[in-house]
């Protein structure tokens, strides 16, 4: 899978830099053409000579050496992938904010190849709000993050921040190369967030959906080459690389789908769409002094059922089912009734799952009776699983 692929191995200045020596050897043994790029900090932990001996060509440690006049852009252009292991908080912050502070960050900013970042640092640093925000920014731009593990850290500390295992990093490199561009030429429409249905001029009926899962799916589809339209009711910043349609109500989301879905190769309905809306809607604010209002509800349009009935041959339709009991039975019924190709079901009553959490645990059901249980993963990892399944369902591009 890596044979003949050009991989830039970035090594920054952390104690885990010694592990990148083994990573270099493993990538070369798998057939990759590996060019190491070492920061000055990395050279305090590992020697250049080691990488010169193991890699496919000499390590790059400065912008001012070698025969190329512009080594960072040349290397960035010919790379099939850039992997940074270990990635320190400094390098992560520089990449997230577009700061070219050394040879490695210059290469990262100059490349259009897929990037895999493998953080390694002390727990306090990994959990710092600035690092958390920078990681979220990189993910939104399609960077693959191989999260650190819990274990022994420098100085005898124990906690999360240990560089991921070499096997995990190699797998991430292989997967990123395998899937990069597999949705090129496809048009994917994703809905996200919880709709809000007005009661009066200031109050709404809403739900707890943050939109994070739908946004992660849109980001993953864009990373893999799709033309993505994200129809979102979420207030969070949409991922880069997507055309965005902002909506608030179920009716507005339905109107956007009427425009975008017919020409889509894939429609993924990750939004939590309200089943009911208040009638009538008061033009002004209902005053507390007027007493509790009488709120009558009417059903909203069943957007998923409408998409299923209008689905054309070759189009892939994915639904979501947030349940609190009889997960598989309820999701299976919805899969069949609404002519879906896949349904992603999760028990939102379970700990650390669904609305308001960074993690999720889902069961992906298909029309052939198959069921894939993911276990508890980040929502970005769930997005990868969903898009993997979607890609396998698409007919070959003619």
Protein backbone atom coordinates (compact mmCIF):
# COMPACT_ATOMS: atom_id res chain seq x y z
CA UNK A 1 0.00 0.00 0.00
CA UNK A 2 2.94 2.36 0.66
CA UNK A 3 5.13 1.10 -2.17
CA UNK A 4 6.45 4.00 -4.22
CA UNK A 5 4.60 6.65 -2.16
CA UNK A 6 6.57 9.72 -1.16
CA UNK A 7 6.26 10.37 2.57
CA UNK A 8 7.73 13.32 4.43
CA UNK A 9 8.44 12.38 8.05
CA UNK A 10 8.45 15.46 10.25
CA UNK A 11 10.15 15.11 13.63
CA UNK A 12 9.83 17.87 16.22
CA UNK A 13 11.54 18.40 19.57
CA UNK A 14 9.99 16.08 22.10
CA UNK A 15 11.33 13.16 24.08
CA UNK A 16 9.28 10.82 21.87
CA UNK A 17 11.50 11.77 18.91
CA UNK A 18 13.49 8.58 19.47
CA UNK A 19 10.41 6.58 18.43
CA UNK A 20 10.38 8.30 15.04
CA UNK A 21 13.54 6.37 14.17
CA UNK A 22 11.55 3.14 14.27
CA UNK A 23 8.69 4.80 12.39
CA UNK A 24 11.13 5.81 9.64
CA UNK A 25 12.39 2.23 9.36
CA UNK A 26 8.87 0.81 9.24
CA UNK A 27 7.77 3.19 6.48
CA UNK A 28 10.84 2.43 4.39
CA UNK A 29 10.37 -1.33 4.90
CA UNK A 30 6.78 -0.93 3.65
CA UNK A 31 8.10 0.51 0.40
CA UNK A 32 7.66 4.24 1.00
CA UNK A 33 10.19 6.81 -0.17
CA UNK A 34 10.81 8.66 3.10
CA UNK A 35 12.32 12.12 3.49
CA UNK A 36 12.91 13.13 7.12
CA UNK A 37 12.51 16.78 8.10
CA UNK A 38 13.91 17.54 11.56
CA UNK A 39 13.50 20.67 13.65
CA UNK A 40 16.37 22.10 15.69
CA UNK A 41 14.56 20.83 18.78
CA UNK A 42 14.44 17.32 17.37
CA UNK A 43 18.22 17.34 16.95
CA UNK A 44 18.56 17.72 20.72
CA UNK A 45 16.96 14.27 21.12
CA UNK A 46 17.98 12.33 17.99
CA UNK A 47 20.85 12.53 15.53
CA UNK A 48 20.59 13.46 11.89
CA UNK A 49 23.01 10.71 10.92
CA UNK A 50 20.57 8.03 12.10
CA UNK A 51 17.85 9.29 9.76
CA UNK A 52 20.31 9.78 6.91
CA UNK A 53 21.19 6.08 7.22
CA UNK A 54 17.64 4.75 7.51
CA UNK A 55 15.62 7.01 5.21
CA UNK A 56 15.41 7.14 1.43
CA UNK A 57 17.31 10.42 1.25
CA UNK A 58 19.21 12.73 3.56
CA UNK A 59 17.28 14.50 6.29
CA UNK A 60 16.39 18.15 5.80
CA UNK A 61 17.19 20.25 8.87
CA UNK A 62 17.44 23.78 7.46
CA UNK A 63 16.00 25.93 4.70
CA UNK A 64 19.53 27.05 3.88
CA UNK A 65 21.09 23.74 2.85
CA UNK A 66 20.95 21.38 -0.08
CA UNK A 67 20.81 21.98 -3.83
CA UNK A 68 17.22 23.19 -4.06
CA UNK A 69 16.65 26.93 -3.93
CA UNK A 70 13.25 26.44 -2.27
CA UNK A 71 13.42 23.06 -0.50
CA UNK A 72 10.17 23.45 1.48
CA UNK A 73 7.94 24.07 -1.54
CA UNK A 74 9.67 21.42 -3.64
CA UNK A 75 9.31 18.86 -0.89
CA UNK A 76 5.73 19.86 -0.17
CA UNK A 77 4.73 19.57 -3.82
CA UNK A 78 6.16 16.12 -4.44
CA UNK A 79 4.97 14.58 -1.19
CA UNK A 80 2.07 12.13 -1.25
CA UNK A 81 1.70 12.58 2.51
CA UNK A 82 3.32 14.39 5.43
CA UNK A 83 3.33 12.73 8.85
CA UNK A 84 4.59 14.57 11.95
CA UNK A 85 5.63 12.29 14.80
CA UNK A 86 6.07 13.49 17.41
CA UNK A 87 4.14 16.73 16.99
CA UNK A 88 4.78 19.17 19.82
CA UNK A 89 2.35 21.84 21.00
CA UNK A 90 4.50 24.42 19.23
CA UNK A 91 4.32 22.72 15.83
CA UNK A 92 0.59 22.07 16.23
CA UNK A 93 0.00 25.72 17.08
CA UNK A 94 2.16 26.94 14.21
CA UNK A 95 0.35 24.77 11.67
CA UNK A 96 -3.09 25.72 12.99
CA UNK A 97 -2.24 29.41 12.72
CA UNK A 98 -0.19 29.34 9.52
CA UNK A 99 3.12 30.30 11.12
CA UNK A 100 6.25 29.26 9.21
CA UNK A 101 8.72 29.19 12.07
CA UNK A 102 11.18 26.55 10.83
CA UNK A 103 11.82 24.11 8.03
CA UNK A 104 9.11 21.66 9.15
CA UNK A 105 6.32 24.24 9.46
CA UNK A 106 7.38 25.68 6.09
CA UNK A 107 6.92 22.26 4.48
CA UNK A 108 3.56 21.77 6.23
CA UNK A 109 2.23 25.10 5.00
CA UNK A 110 3.64 24.59 1.49
CA UNK A 111 2.07 21.17 0.88
CA UNK A 112 -1.35 20.24 -0.43
CA UNK A 113 -0.79 16.58 0.40
CA UNK A 114 -2.72 14.89 3.23
CA UNK A 115 -1.22 15.54 6.66
CA UNK A 116 -1.13 13.16 9.63
CA UNK A 117 -0.29 14.74 13.00
CA UNK A 118 0.74 12.59 15.97
CA UNK A 119 0.80 14.74 19.13
CA UNK A 120 3.04 13.94 22.09
CA UNK A 121 3.31 16.09 25.21
CA UNK A 122 2.52 16.17 28.92
CA UNK A 123 -1.12 15.78 29.92
CA UNK A 124 -1.45 19.37 31.12
CA UNK A 125 -0.29 20.61 27.73
CA UNK A 126 -2.50 18.21 25.76
CA UNK A 127 -5.54 19.37 27.75
CA UNK A 128 -4.75 23.10 27.58
CA UNK A 129 -7.61 25.01 25.90
CA UNK A 130 -5.29 26.50 23.28
CA UNK A 131 -4.01 23.06 22.23
CA UNK A 132 -7.55 21.66 22.24
CA UNK A 133 -8.66 24.54 19.98
CA UNK A 134 -5.69 24.09 17.64
CA UNK A 135 -6.39 20.36 17.30
CA UNK A 136 -10.05 21.13 16.50
CA UNK A 137 -8.91 23.63 13.86
CA UNK A 138 -6.62 21.09 12.21
CA UNK A 139 -9.36 18.46 12.21
CA UNK A 140 -11.78 20.91 10.60
CA UNK A 141 -9.25 21.39 7.80
CA UNK A 142 -9.01 17.66 7.13
CA UNK A 143 -5.80 16.91 9.02
CA UNK A 144 -5.72 13.38 10.45
CA UNK A 145 -4.97 13.39 14.18
CA UNK A 146 -3.55 10.22 15.73
CA UNK A 147 -4.43 10.91 19.35
CA UNK A 148 -1.85 10.27 22.06
CA UNK A 149 -2.19 7.36 24.44
CA UNK A 150 -2.21 7.16 28.23
CA UNK A 151 0.97 5.86 29.78
CA UNK A 152 4.37 6.77 31.17
CA UNK A 153 5.60 10.22 30.18
CA UNK A 154 8.92 12.02 30.55
CA UNK A 155 10.06 12.57 34.11
CA UNK A 156 8.17 9.53 35.39
CA UNK A 157 4.72 11.14 35.07
CA UNK A 158 1.71 9.05 34.09
CA UNK A 159 -1.15 10.36 31.97
CA UNK A 160 -2.53 11.02 28.48
CA UNK A 161 0.00 12.48 26.07
CA UNK A 162 2.25 9.55 25.17
CA UNK A 163 2.94 9.26 21.44
CA UNK A 164 0.62 6.72 19.80
CA UNK A 165 2.09 3.32 19.05
CA UNK A 166 4.06 2.91 15.83
CA UNK A 167 1.53 0.36 14.55
CA UNK A 168 -1.26 2.91 15.00
CA UNK A 169 0.70 5.61 13.18
CA UNK A 170 1.58 3.35 10.25
CA UNK A 171 -2.08 2.29 9.99
CA UNK A 172 -3.16 5.95 9.95
CA UNK A 173 -0.65 6.72 7.19
CA UNK A 174 -1.83 3.76 5.12
CA UNK A 175 -5.51 4.60 5.65
CA UNK A 176 -5.03 8.27 4.81
CA UNK A 177 -3.22 7.44 1.59
CA UNK A 178 -5.76 4.76 0.67
CA UNK A 179 -8.77 6.99 1.18
CA UNK A 180 -7.37 10.34 0.10
CA UNK A 181 -9.35 11.40 -2.95
CA UNK A 182 -11.69 8.39 -3.03
CA UNK A 183 -14.69 10.74 -3.15
CA UNK A 184 -13.25 12.99 -5.85
CA UNK A 185 -15.93 13.90 -8.37
CA UNK A 186 -18.74 13.16 -5.90
CA UNK A 187 -21.27 15.64 -4.58
CA UNK A 188 -22.16 15.05 -0.93
CA UNK A 189 -24.91 16.86 0.99
CA UNK A 190 -24.75 16.68 4.81
CA UNK A 191 -27.23 18.07 7.31
CA UNK A 192 -26.19 18.90 10.87
CA UNK A 193 -27.38 20.42 14.12
CA UNK A 194 -30.71 20.62 15.86
CA UNK A 195 -33.46 22.70 14.28
CA UNK A 196 -35.22 25.35 16.37
CA UNK A 197 -38.95 25.94 15.98
CA UNK A 198 -40.22 29.36 17.15
CA UNK A 199 -42.96 29.71 19.76
CA UNK A 200 -42.98 33.50 19.69
CA UNK A 201 -40.55 36.26 18.74
CA UNK A 202 -37.91 35.11 21.26
CA UNK A 203 -38.66 31.54 22.40
CA UNK A 204 -38.07 28.29 20.54
CA UNK A 205 -38.54 24.53 20.86
CA UNK A 206 -35.14 22.91 20.34
CA UNK A 207 -33.06 19.84 21.14
CA UNK A 208 -29.58 19.14 22.51
CA UNK A 209 -27.78 18.45 19.22
CA UNK A 210 -24.54 20.41 18.87
CA UNK A 211 -24.01 19.54 15.20
CA UNK A 212 -20.50 18.24 15.93
CA UNK A 213 -21.11 14.80 14.40
CA UNK A 214 -22.58 16.21 11.21
CA UNK A 215 -19.79 18.76 10.89
CA UNK A 216 -17.20 15.98 11.37
CA UNK A 217 -18.84 13.95 8.59
CA UNK A 218 -18.80 16.95 6.25
CA UNK A 219 -15.12 17.57 7.03
CA UNK A 220 -14.22 13.94 6.37
CA UNK A 221 -16.06 13.91 3.02
CA UNK A 222 -14.31 17.12 1.97
CA UNK A 223 -10.93 15.74 3.03
CA UNK A 224 -11.50 12.79 0.74
CA UNK A 225 -12.15 14.95 -2.29
CA UNK A 226 -15.92 15.37 -2.36
CA UNK A 227 -17.75 18.56 -3.25
CA UNK A 228 -19.60 19.05 0.04
CA UNK A 229 -22.69 21.11 0.80
CA UNK A 230 -23.30 21.38 4.54
CA UNK A 231 -26.82 22.40 5.56
CA UNK A 232 -26.47 23.25 9.23
CA UNK A 233 -28.58 24.52 12.08
CA UNK A 234 -25.60 24.43 14.46
CA UNK A 235 -24.08 27.60 15.87
CA UNK A 236 -20.50 26.26 15.82
CA UNK A 237 -18.08 27.23 13.05
CA UNK A 238 -18.51 24.97 9.99
CA UNK A 239 -15.50 23.00 8.74
CA UNK A 240 -13.37 24.38 5.95
CA UNK A 241 -13.76 23.09 2.42
CA UNK A 242 -17.56 22.98 2.42
CA UNK A 243 -20.25 25.15 0.87
CA UNK A 244 -22.46 26.09 3.82
CA UNK A 245 -26.18 26.79 4.01
CA UNK A 246 -27.27 28.10 7.42
CA UNK A 247 -30.83 27.25 8.51
CA UNK A 248 -32.82 27.39 11.72
CA UNK A 249 -36.13 25.55 11.29
CA UNK A 250 -37.11 22.17 9.87
CA UNK A 251 -38.92 23.92 7.03
CA UNK A 252 -35.83 25.92 6.10
CA UNK A 253 -33.75 22.73 6.14
CA UNK A 254 -36.32 21.03 3.93
CA UNK A 255 -36.27 23.92 1.46
CA UNK A 256 -32.47 23.74 1.28
CA UNK A 257 -32.62 19.99 0.67
CA UNK A 258 -35.16 20.53 -2.11
CA UNK A 259 -32.47 22.54 -3.88
CA UNK A 260 -29.33 20.56 -3.04
CA UNK A 261 -30.36 16.88 -2.72
CA UNK A 262 -31.58 16.05 -6.26
CA UNK A 263 -28.09 16.50 -7.78
CA UNK A 264 -26.21 14.85 -4.90
CA UNK A 265 -24.48 11.48 -5.12
CA UNK A 266 -24.79 11.13 -1.35
CA UNK A 267 -27.16 12.65 1.21
CA UNK A 268 -26.30 12.17 4.88
CA UNK A 269 -29.01 13.30 7.28
CA UNK A 270 -27.09 13.78 10.52
CA UNK A 271 -29.27 16.69 11.68
CA UNK A 272 -31.68 16.34 14.60
CA UNK A 273 -34.77 17.67 12.84
CA UNK A 274 -37.78 18.64 14.95
CA UNK A 275 -40.76 16.32 14.52
CA UNK A 276 -43.24 19.00 15.60
CA UNK A 277 -43.56 22.78 15.49
CA UNK A 278 -45.80 25.21 17.39
CA UNK A 279 -48.89 26.76 15.78
CA UNK A 280 -49.64 29.56 15.56
CA UNK A 281 -46.41 31.52 16.11
CA UNK A 282 -46.91 34.71 18.07
CA UNK A 283 -45.59 37.82 16.33
CA UNK A 284 -44.42 39.33 19.61
CA UNK A 285 -43.07 38.06 22.90
CA UNK A 286 -45.60 36.31 25.13
CA UNK A 287 -45.51 38.15 28.44
CA UNK A 288 -45.06 36.26 31.70
CA UNK A 289 -47.87 38.34 33.17
CA UNK A 290 -50.27 36.86 30.60
CA UNK A 291 -49.80 33.41 32.16
CA UNK A 292 -48.58 30.16 30.58
CA UNK A 293 -49.28 30.08 26.84
CA UNK A 294 -51.25 27.28 25.27
CA UNK A 295 -48.86 25.66 22.80
CA UNK A 296 -50.35 23.53 20.05
CA UNK A 297 -48.09 21.45 17.84
CA UNK A 298 -48.31 20.19 14.29
CA UNK A 299 -46.00 17.68 12.54
CA UNK A 300 -43.14 19.00 10.47
CA UNK A 301 -42.38 17.59 7.04
CA UNK A 302 -40.67 14.18 7.22
CA UNK A 303 -37.52 15.16 5.37
CA UNK A 304 -35.88 11.73 5.44
CA UNK A 305 -38.98 9.96 4.13
CA UNK A 306 -39.23 12.50 1.33
CA UNK A 307 -35.61 11.95 0.35
CA UNK A 308 -36.15 8.19 0.39
CA UNK A 309 -39.18 8.35 -1.88
CA UNK A 310 -37.35 10.63 -4.34
CA UNK A 311 -34.03 8.74 -4.27
CA UNK A 312 -32.72 8.05 -7.75
CA UNK A 313 -30.76 4.90 -8.75
CA UNK A 314 -27.15 5.09 -7.58
CA UNK A 315 -27.79 7.79 -4.98
CA UNK A 316 -26.77 6.85 -1.43
CA UNK A 317 -29.01 7.98 1.44
CA UNK A 318 -27.87 7.78 5.06
CA UNK A 319 -30.09 8.45 8.07
CA UNK A 320 -29.43 8.80 11.78
CA UNK A 321 -31.47 7.39 14.65
CA UNK A 322 -31.02 8.79 18.16
CA UNK A 323 -32.78 6.33 20.46
CA UNK A 324 -33.14 5.69 24.18
CA UNK A 325 -34.43 2.09 23.97
CA UNK A 326 -34.70 -0.81 21.49
CA UNK A 327 -31.88 0.73 19.49
CA UNK A 328 -31.43 -1.82 16.72
CA UNK A 329 -35.14 -2.64 16.33
CA UNK A 330 -36.17 1.01 16.04
CA UNK A 331 -33.31 1.86 13.70
CA UNK A 332 -33.99 -1.16 11.48
CA UNK A 333 -37.63 -0.15 11.14
CA UNK A 334 -36.58 3.36 10.11
CA UNK A 335 -34.02 1.99 7.64
CA UNK A 336 -36.69 0.01 5.81
CA UNK A 337 -39.57 2.46 6.07
CA UNK A 338 -37.60 5.37 4.65
CA UNK A 339 -35.68 3.53 1.89
CA UNK A 340 -32.26 4.19 3.38
CA UNK A 341 -28.98 2.58 2.36
CA UNK A 342 -27.45 3.01 5.83
CA UNK A 343 -28.63 4.18 9.20
CA UNK A 344 -26.37 5.29 12.04
CA UNK A 345 -27.99 4.52 15.38
CA UNK A 346 -26.89 5.60 18.82
CA UNK A 347 -28.30 5.32 22.33
CA UNK A 348 -28.29 8.93 23.49
CA UNK A 349 -29.06 7.87 27.05
CA UNK A 350 -25.67 6.12 27.37
CA UNK A 351 -22.69 7.86 29.07
CA UNK A 352 -20.38 9.94 26.83
CA UNK A 353 -22.54 9.27 23.77
CA UNK A 354 -24.42 11.58 21.43
CA UNK A 355 -25.65 15.09 22.14
CA UNK A 356 -23.19 17.43 23.80
CA UNK A 357 -20.27 14.99 23.88
CA UNK A 358 -17.03 14.83 21.89
CA UNK A 359 -17.41 11.05 21.69
CA UNK A 360 -20.02 8.71 20.27
CA UNK A 361 -20.73 4.99 20.02
CA UNK A 362 -22.91 3.92 17.12
CA UNK A 363 -24.25 0.90 15.31
CA UNK A 364 -24.24 1.23 11.51
CA UNK A 365 -26.99 -0.85 9.91
CA UNK A 366 -27.33 -1.61 6.20
CA UNK A 367 -30.06 -2.95 3.96
CA UNK A 368 -28.50 -6.43 3.86
CA UNK A 369 -28.97 -6.97 7.57
CA UNK A 370 -25.40 -6.08 8.50
CA UNK A 371 -24.62 -4.28 11.75
CA UNK A 372 -21.27 -2.68 12.65
CA UNK A 373 -20.76 -1.61 16.27
CA UNK A 374 -18.03 1.00 16.59
CA UNK A 375 -17.58 1.17 20.35
CA UNK A 376 -16.80 4.52 21.99
CA UNK A 377 -14.80 6.73 19.61
CA UNK A 378 -14.29 10.40 18.90
CA UNK A 379 -16.92 11.87 16.62
CA UNK A 380 -14.21 12.41 14.02
CA UNK A 381 -13.40 8.68 14.08
CA UNK A 382 -17.13 7.90 13.76
CA UNK A 383 -17.24 10.20 10.73
CA UNK A 384 -14.43 8.20 9.12
CA UNK A 385 -16.32 4.94 9.69
CA UNK A 386 -19.50 6.38 8.15
CA UNK A 387 -17.72 7.77 5.09
CA UNK A 388 -15.84 4.48 4.63
CA UNK A 389 -19.19 2.69 4.39
CA UNK A 390 -20.62 5.31 2.04
CA UNK A 391 -17.62 5.10 -0.31
CA UNK A 392 -18.06 1.33 -0.63
CA UNK A 393 -21.71 1.78 -1.66
CA UNK A 394 -21.07 4.26 -4.44
CA UNK A 395 -20.95 2.90 -7.99
CA UNK A 396 -17.75 3.41 -9.93
CA UNK A 397 -17.35 6.86 -11.43
CA UNK A 398 -17.80 6.65 -15.17
